[in-house]
Amino acid sequence: MNTGQKLAYGLLGAPLAMSTGLGLPFLAALGYQPGGAMGLTALAVLYAGIPYVIKLLSAMLLLRWRSCLEVQRAA
C-alpha cells in the first residue's frame, strides 16, 4: 500500500470507524434489535448521518485553517 492509499484510507475509513464506535451504543439505547423492525430508522440515520457530520466538520476545519496548512514557498 503506497502513501496515497494510506492517506485515502485514513480520510475515508476513520469517519466510518468512528460512526460504528459511536453508533452502536446509541442504537442499543434506541431499542434496535438485529432482524427486527424496531429501530431501522435509527440505524439508517446513524450509519449515514454520523459519517456525514464528521466529514462536514472536517471540511469546515480544513477551510478555516487553510492558511495555516498551506506550504509557504520561498521566493
PDB file of N, CA and C in Angstrom:
ATOM      1  N   MET A   1       0.860  -1.166   0.000  1.00  0.00           N
ATOM      2  CA  MET A   1       0.000   0.000   0.000  1.00  0.00           C
ATOM      3  C   MET A   1       0.909   1.233   0.000  1.00  0.00           C
ATOM      4  N   ASN A   2       0.708   2.130  -0.951  1.00  0.00           N
ATOM      5  CA  ASN A   2       1.546   3.324  -1.009  1.00  0.00           C
ATOM      6  C   ASN A   2       0.996   4.412  -0.084  1.00  0.00           C
ATOM      7  N   THR A   3       1.732   5.501   0.016  1.00  0.00           N
ATOM      8  CA  THR A   3       1.372   6.574   0.939  1.00  0.00           C
ATOM      9  C   THR A   3       0.018   7.192   0.597  1.00  0.00           C
ATOM     10  N   GLY A   4      -0.261   7.381  -0.684  1.00  0.00           N
ATOM     11  CA  GLY A   4      -1.545   7.946  -1.090  1.00  0.00           C
ATOM     12  C   GLY A   4      -2.721   7.068  -0.689  1.00  0.00           C
ATOM     13  N   GLN A   5      -2.548   5.759  -0.824  1.00  0.00           N
ATOM     14  CA  GLN A   5      -3.614   4.843  -0.432  1.00  0.00           C
ATOM     15  C   GLN A   5      -3.825   4.872   1.077  1.00  0.00           C
ATOM     16  N   LYS A   6      -2.738   4.956   1.834  1.00  0.00           N
ATOM     17  CA  LYS A   6      -2.859   5.030   3.288  1.00  0.00           C
ATOM     18  C   LYS A   6      -3.572   6.307   3.709  1.00  0.00           C
ATOM     19  N   LEU A   7      -3.246   7.414   3.059  1.00  0.00           N
ATOM     20  CA  LEU A   7      -3.892   8.682   3.364  1.00  0.00           C
ATOM     21  C   LEU A   7      -5.381   8.621   3.022  1.00  0.00           C
ATOM     22  N   ALA A   8      -5.704   8.054   1.867  1.00  0.00           N
ATOM     23  CA  ALA A   8      -7.107   7.936   1.461  1.00  0.00           C
ATOM     24  C   ALA A   8      -7.884   7.062   2.438  1.00  0.00           C
ATOM     25  N   TYR A   9      -7.282   5.970   2.879  1.00  0.00           N
ATOM     26  CA  TYR A   9      -7.960   5.110   3.847  1.00  0.00           C
ATOM     27  C   TYR A   9      -8.177   5.847   5.156  1.00  0.00           C
ATOM     28  N   GLY A  10      -7.180   6.613   5.575  1.00  0.00           N
ATOM     29  CA  GLY A  10      -7.312   7.366   6.815  1.00  0.00           C
ATOM     30  C   GLY A  10      -8.413   8.403   6.735  1.00  0.00           C
ATOM     31  N   LEU A  11      -8.521   9.079   5.594  1.00  0.00           N
ATOM     32  CA  LEU A  11      -9.534  10.112   5.439  1.00  0.00           C
ATOM     33  C   LEU A  11     -10.926   9.534   5.265  1.00  0.00           C
ATOM     34  N   LEU A  12     -11.021   8.396   4.592  1.00  0.00           N
ATOM     35  CA  LEU A  12     -12.334   7.817   4.326  1.00  0.00           C
ATOM     36  C   LEU A  12     -12.738   6.754   5.341  1.00  0.00           C
ATOM     37  N   GLY A  13     -11.766   6.039   5.880  1.00  0.00           N
ATOM     38  CA  GLY A  13     -12.076   4.956   6.804  1.00  0.00           C
ATOM     39  C   GLY A  13     -12.323   5.417   8.224  1.00  0.00           C
ATOM     40  N   ALA A  14     -11.686   6.505   8.628  1.00  0.00           N
ATOM     41  CA  ALA A  14     -11.828   6.977  10.005  1.00  0.00           C
ATOM     42  C   ALA A  14     -13.264   7.382  10.345  1.00  0.00           C
ATOM     43  N   PRO A  15     -13.955   8.159   9.499  1.00  0.00           N
ATOM     44  CA  PRO A  15     -15.339   8.504   9.856  1.00  0.00           C
ATOM     45  C   PRO A  15     -16.248   7.277   9.977  1.00  0.00           C
ATOM     46  N   LEU A  16     -16.027   6.289   9.133  1.00  0.00           N
ATOM     47  CA  LEU A  16     -16.851   5.082   9.218  1.00  0.00           C
ATOM     48  C   LEU A  16     -16.565   4.324  10.506  1.00  0.00           C
ATOM     49  N   ALA A  17     -15.298   4.216  10.860  1.00  0.00           N
ATOM     50  CA  ALA A  17     -14.937   3.533  12.104  1.00  0.00           C
ATOM     51  C   ALA A  17     -15.471   4.289  13.316  1.00  0.00           C
ATOM     52  N   MET A  18     -15.383   5.608  13.273  1.00  0.00           N
ATOM     53  CA  MET A  18     -15.891   6.412  14.380  1.00  0.00           C
ATOM     54  C   MET A  18     -17.406   6.304  14.488  1.00  0.00           C
ATOM     55  N   SER A  19     -18.079   6.257  13.359  1.00  0.00           N
ATOM     56  CA  SER A  19     -19.540   6.153  13.406  1.00  0.00           C
ATOM     57  C   SER A  19     -19.966   4.816  13.990  1.00  0.00           C
ATOM     58  N   THR A  20     -19.206   3.775  13.708  1.00  0.00           N
ATOM     59  CA  THR A  20     -19.526   2.469  14.285  1.00  0.00           C
ATOM     60  C   THR A  20     -19.336   2.500  15.786  1.00  0.00           C
ATOM     61  N   GLY A  21     -18.215   3.040  16.224  1.00  0.00           N
ATOM     62  CA  GLY A  21     -17.941   3.104  17.654  1.00  0.00           C
ATOM     63  C   GLY A  21     -18.924   3.972  18.414  1.00  0.00           C
ATOM     64  N   LEU A  22     -19.362   5.058  17.791  1.00  0.00           N
ATOM     65  CA  LEU A  22     -20.328   5.939  18.436  1.00  0.00           C
ATOM     66  C   LEU A  22     -21.762   5.447  18.247  1.00  0.00           C
ATOM     67  N   GLY A  23     -22.010   4.787  17.138  1.00  0.00           N
ATOM     68  CA  GLY A  23     -23.379   4.424  16.787  1.00  0.00           C
ATOM     69  C   GLY A  23     -23.950   3.234  17.525  1.00  0.00           C
ATOM     70  N   LEU A  24     -23.125   2.251  17.811  1.00  0.00           N
ATOM     71  CA  LEU A  24     -23.652   1.038  18.444  1.00  0.00           C
ATOM     72  C   LEU A  24     -24.288   1.291  19.815  1.00  0.00           C
ATOM     73  N   PRO A  25     -23.672   2.078  20.689  1.00  0.00           N
ATOM     74  CA  PRO A  25     -24.358   2.365  21.956  1.00  0.00           C
ATOM     75  C   PRO A  25     -25.666   3.136  21.766  1.00  0.00           C
ATOM     76  N   PHE A  26     -25.706   4.047  20.795  1.00  0.00           N
ATOM     77  CA  PHE A  26     -26.936   4.782  20.526  1.00  0.00           C
ATOM     78  C   PHE A  26     -28.029   3.861  19.999  1.00  0.00           C
ATOM     79  N   LEU A  27     -27.653   2.947  19.126  1.00  0.00           N
ATOM     80  CA  LEU A  27     -28.647   2.004  18.606  1.00  0.00           C
ATOM     81  C   LEU A  27     -29.235   1.151  19.718  1.00  0.00           C
ATOM     82  N   ALA A  28     -28.383   0.691  20.621  1.00  0.00           N
ATOM     83  CA  ALA A  28     -28.874  -0.104  21.745  1.00  0.00           C
ATOM     84  C   ALA A  28     -29.831   0.721  22.601  1.00  0.00           C
ATOM     85  N   ALA A  29     -29.509   1.984  22.822  1.00  0.00           N
ATOM     86  CA  ALA A  29     -30.371   2.847  23.632  1.00  0.00           C
ATOM     87  C   ALA A  29     -31.706   3.127  22.940  1.00  0.00           C
ATOM     88  N   LEU A  30     -31.700   3.134  21.607  1.00  0.00           N
ATOM     89  CA  LEU A  30     -32.934   3.399  20.861  1.00  0.00           C
ATOM     90  C   LEU A  30     -33.763   2.142  20.610  1.00  0.00           C
ATOM     91  N   GLY A  31     -33.301   1.015  21.104  1.00  0.00           N
ATOM     92  CA  GLY A  31     -34.083  -0.206  21.023  1.00  0.00           C
ATOM     93  C   GLY A  31     -33.896  -1.029  19.768  1.00  0.00           C
ATOM     94  N   TYR A  32     -32.812  -0.826  19.042  1.00  0.00           N
ATOM     95  CA  TYR A  32     -32.574  -1.600  17.821  1.00  0.00           C
ATOM     96  C   TYR A  32     -32.237  -3.038  18.176  1.00  0.00           C
ATOM     97  N   GLN A  33     -32.897  -3.961  17.510  1.00  0.00           N
ATOM     98  CA  GLN A  33     -32.618  -5.390  17.643  1.00  0.00           C
ATOM     99  C   GLN A  33     -32.329  -5.939  16.252  1.00  0.00           C
ATOM    100  N   PRO A  34     -31.194  -6.609  16.043  1.00  0.00           N
ATOM    101  CA  PRO A  34     -30.901  -7.171  14.720  1.00  0.00           C
ATOM    102  C   PRO A  34     -32.020  -8.096  14.248  1.00  0.00           C
ATOM    103  N   GLY A  35     -32.455  -7.902  13.021  1.00  0.00           N
ATOM    104  CA  GLY A  35     -33.509  -8.732  12.453  1.00  0.00           C
ATOM    105  C   GLY A  35     -34.908  -8.238  12.759  1.00  0.00           C
ATOM    106  N   GLY A  36     -35.032  -7.240  13.601  1.00  0.00           N
ATOM    107  CA  GLY A  36     -36.345  -6.713  13.963  1.00  0.00           C
ATOM    108  C   GLY A  36     -36.655  -5.437  13.195  1.00  0.00           C
ATOM    109  N   ALA A  37     -37.910  -5.032  13.251  1.00  0.00           N
ATOM    110  CA  ALA A  37     -38.331  -3.832  12.536  1.00  0.00           C
ATOM    111  C   ALA A  37     -38.117  -2.565  13.364  1.00  0.00           C
ATOM    112  N   MET A  38     -37.994  -2.707  14.662  1.00  0.00           N
ATOM    113  CA  MET A  38     -37.816  -1.553  15.540  1.00  0.00           C
ATOM    114  C   MET A  38     -36.412  -0.973  15.386  1.00  0.00           C
ATOM    115  N   GLY A  39     -36.340   0.318  15.257  1.00  0.00           N
ATOM    116  CA  GLY A  39     -35.055   0.990  15.232  1.00  0.00           C
ATOM    117  C   GLY A  39     -34.369   1.046  13.885  1.00  0.00           C
ATOM    118  N   LEU A  40     -35.024   0.622  12.802  1.00  0.00           N
ATOM    119  CA  LEU A  40     -34.370   0.663  11.491  1.00  0.00           C
ATOM    120  C   LEU A  40     -34.109   2.091  11.029  1.00  0.00           C
ATOM    121  N   THR A  41     -34.997   3.013  11.379  1.00  0.00           N
ATOM    122  CA  THR A  41     -34.766   4.413  11.027  1.00  0.00           C
ATOM    123  C   THR A  41     -33.546   4.935  11.769  1.00  0.00           C
ATOM    124  N   ALA A  42     -33.426   4.579  13.038  1.00  0.00           N
ATOM    125  CA  ALA A  42     -32.259   4.998  13.817  1.00  0.00           C
ATOM    126  C   ALA A  42     -30.987   4.419  13.213  1.00  0.00           C
ATOM    127  N   LEU A  43     -31.041   3.189  12.765  1.00  0.00           N
ATOM    128  CA  LEU A  43     -29.886   2.551  12.129  1.00  0.00           C
ATOM    129  C   LEU A  43     -29.477   3.309  10.869  1.00  0.00           C
ATOM    130  N   ALA A  44     -30.441   3.646  10.047  1.00  0.00           N
ATOM    131  CA  ALA A  44     -30.142   4.366   8.805  1.00  0.00           C
ATOM    132  C   ALA A  44     -29.587   5.755   9.089  1.00  0.00           C
ATOM    133  N   VAL A  45     -30.174   6.452  10.027  1.00  0.00           N
ATOM    134  CA  VAL A  45     -29.712   7.800  10.354  1.00  0.00           C
ATOM    135  C   VAL A  45     -28.309   7.765  10.935  1.00  0.00           C
ATOM    136  N   LEU A  46     -28.047   6.836  11.826  1.00  0.00           N
ATOM    137  CA  LEU A  46     -26.729   6.775  12.446  1.00  0.00           C
ATOM    138  C   LEU A  46     -25.638   6.396  11.455  1.00  0.00           C
ATOM    139  N   TYR A  47     -25.883   5.412  10.628  1.00  0.00           N
ATOM    140  CA  TYR A  47     -24.829   4.961   9.726  1.00  0.00           C
ATOM    141  C   TYR A  47     -24.658   5.861   8.507  1.00  0.00           C
ATOM    142  N   ALA A  48     -25.653   6.676   8.205  1.00  0.00           N
ATOM    143  CA  ALA A  48     -25.492   7.656   7.128  1.00  0.00           C
ATOM    144  C   ALA A  48     -25.168   9.027   7.696  1.00  0.00           C
ATOM    145  N   GLY A  49     -25.744   9.356   8.825  1.00  0.00           N
ATOM    146  CA  GLY A  49     -25.619  10.693   9.377  1.00  0.00           C
ATOM    147  C   GLY A  49     -24.321  10.992  10.088  1.00  0.00           C
ATOM    148  N   ILE A  50     -23.857  10.072  10.910  1.00  0.00           N
ATOM    149  CA  ILE A  50     -22.636  10.343  11.671  1.00  0.00           C
ATOM    150  C   ILE A  50     -21.424  10.526  10.754  1.00  0.00           C
ATOM    151  N   PRO A  51     -21.169   9.648   9.765  1.00  0.00           N
ATOM    152  CA  PRO A  51     -20.025   9.911   8.874  1.00  0.00           C
ATOM    153  C   PRO A  51     -20.174  11.228   8.110  1.00  0.00           C
ATOM    154  N   TYR A  52     -21.389  11.570   7.724  1.00  0.00           N
ATOM    155  CA  TYR A  52     -21.625  12.836   7.017  1.00  0.00           C
ATOM    156  C   TYR A  52     -21.255  14.018   7.905  1.00  0.00           C
ATOM    157  N   VAL A  53     -21.690  13.998   9.142  1.00  0.00           N
ATOM    158  CA  VAL A  53     -21.401  15.090  10.063  1.00  0.00           C
ATOM    159  C   VAL A  53     -19.902  15.191  10.326  1.00  0.00           C
ATOM    160  N   ILE A  54     -19.232  14.065  10.513  1.00  0.00           N
ATOM    161  CA  ILE A  54     -17.786  14.074  10.757  1.00  0.00           C
ATOM    162  C   ILE A  54     -17.050  14.650   9.545  1.00  0.00           C
ATOM    163  N   LYS A  55     -17.432  14.249   8.353  1.00  0.00           N
ATOM    164  CA  LYS A  55     -16.787  14.770   7.146  1.00  0.00           C
ATOM    165  C   LYS A  55     -17.082  16.257   6.964  1.00  0.00           C
ATOM    166  N   LEU A  56     -18.293  16.684   7.274  1.00  0.00           N
ATOM    167  CA  LEU A  56     -18.649  18.094   7.174  1.00  0.00           C
ATOM    168  C   LEU A  56     -17.819  18.928   8.147  1.00  0.00           C
ATOM    169  N   LEU A  57     -17.684  18.473   9.380  1.00  0.00           N
ATOM    170  CA  LEU A  57     -16.863  19.189  10.359  1.00  0.00           C
ATOM    171  C   LEU A  57     -15.401  19.227   9.925  1.00  0.00           C
ATOM    172  N   SER A  58     -14.907  18.126   9.369  1.00  0.00           N
ATOM    173  CA  SER A  58     -13.529  18.084   8.890  1.00  0.00           C
ATOM    174  C   SER A  58     -13.310  19.093   7.771  1.00  0.00           C
ATOM    175  N   ALA A  59     -14.241  19.161   6.846  1.00  0.00           N
ATOM    176  CA  ALA A  59     -14.126  20.119   5.739  1.00  0.00           C
ATOM    177  C   ALA A  59     -14.170  21.554   6.254  1.00  0.00           C
ATOM    178  N   MET A  60     -15.023  21.821   7.206  1.00  0.00           N
ATOM    179  CA  MET A  60     -15.104  23.166   7.772  1.00  0.00           C
ATOM    180  C   MET A  60     -13.802  23.545   8.474  1.00  0.00           C
ATOM    181  N   LEU A  61     -13.216  22.611   9.217  1.00  0.00           N
ATOM    182  CA  LEU A  61     -11.948  22.884   9.886  1.00  0.00           C
ATOM    183  C   LEU A  61     -10.828  23.098   8.882  1.00  0.00           C
ATOM    184  N   LEU A  62     -10.809  22.304   7.821  1.00  0.00           N
ATOM    185  CA  LEU A  62      -9.779  22.486   6.802  1.00  0.00           C
ATOM    186  C   LEU A  62      -9.884  23.849   6.136  1.00  0.00           C
ATOM    187  N   LEU A  63     -11.102  24.288   5.857  1.00  0.00           N
ATOM    188  CA  LEU A  63     -11.284  25.611   5.254  1.00  0.00           C
ATOM    189  C   LEU A  63     -10.893  26.730   6.219  1.00  0.00           C
ATOM    190  N   ARG A  64     -11.205  26.528   7.482  1.00  0.00           N
ATOM    191  CA  ARG A  64     -10.876  27.554   8.473  1.00  0.00           C
ATOM    192  C   ARG A  64      -9.368  27.677   8.663  1.00  0.00           C
ATOM    193  N   TRP A  65      -8.663  26.533   8.711  1.00  0.00           N
ATOM    194  CA  TRP A  65      -7.224  26.525   8.956  1.00  0.00           C
ATOM    195  C   TRP A  65      -6.414  26.402   7.676  1.00  0.00           C
ATOM    196  N   ARG A  66      -7.031  26.736   6.575  1.00  0.00           N
ATOM    197  CA  ARG A  66      -6.381  26.580   5.270  1.00  0.00           C
ATOM    198  C   ARG A  66      -5.060  27.333   5.186  1.00  0.00           C
ATOM    199  N   SER A  67      -5.037  28.561   5.659  1.00  0.00           N
ATOM    200  CA  SER A  67      -3.808  29.355   5.559  1.00  0.00           C
ATOM    201  C   SER A  67      -2.695  28.775   6.424  1.00  0.00           C
ATOM    202  N   CYS A  68      -3.042  28.179   7.534  1.00  0.00           N
ATOM    203  CA  CYS A  68      -2.026  27.568   8.407  1.00  0.00           C
ATOM    204  C   CYS A  68      -1.483  26.281   7.809  1.00  0.00           C
ATOM    205  N   LEU A  69      -2.281  25.603   7.021  1.00  0.00           N
ATOM    206  CA  LEU A  69      -1.888  24.308   6.480  1.00  0.00           C
ATOM    207  C   LEU A  69      -1.160  24.405   5.158  1.00  0.00           C
ATOM    208  N   GLU A  70      -1.273  25.541   4.475  1.00  0.00           N
ATOM    209  CA  GLU A  70      -0.614  25.700   3.184  1.00  0.00           C
ATOM    210  C   GLU A  70       0.891  25.809   3.366  1.00  0.00           C
ATOM    211  N   VAL A  71       1.610  25.230   2.445  1.00  0.00           N
ATOM    212  CA  VAL A  71       3.060  25.288   2.468  1.00  0.00           C
ATOM    213  C   VAL A  71       3.505  26.616   1.876  1.00  0.00           C
ATOM    214  N   GLN A  72       4.303  27.343   2.623  1.00  0.00           N
ATOM    215  CA  GLN A  72       4.829  28.622   2.157  1.00  0.00           C
ATOM    216  C   GLN A  72       6.136  28.360   1.416  1.00  0.00           C
ATOM    217  N   ARG A  73       6.187  28.741   0.159  1.00  0.00           N
ATOM    218  CA  ARG A  73       7.386  28.519  -0.648  1.00  0.00           C
ATOM    219  C   ARG A  73       8.265  29.775  -0.646  1.00  0.00           C
ATOM    220  N   ALA A  74       9.545  29.536  -0.497  1.00  0.00           N
ATOM    221  CA  ALA A  74      10.494  30.651  -0.510  1.00  0.00           C
ATOM    222  C   ALA A  74      10.662  31.148  -1.949  1.00  0.00           C
ATOM    223  N   ALA A  75      10.735  32.453  -2.108  1.00  0.00           N
ATOM    224  CA  ALA A  75      10.864  33.038  -3.448  1.00  0.00           C
ATOM    225  C   ALA A  75      12.316  33.078  -3.888  1.00  0.00           C
TER     226      ALA A  75
END
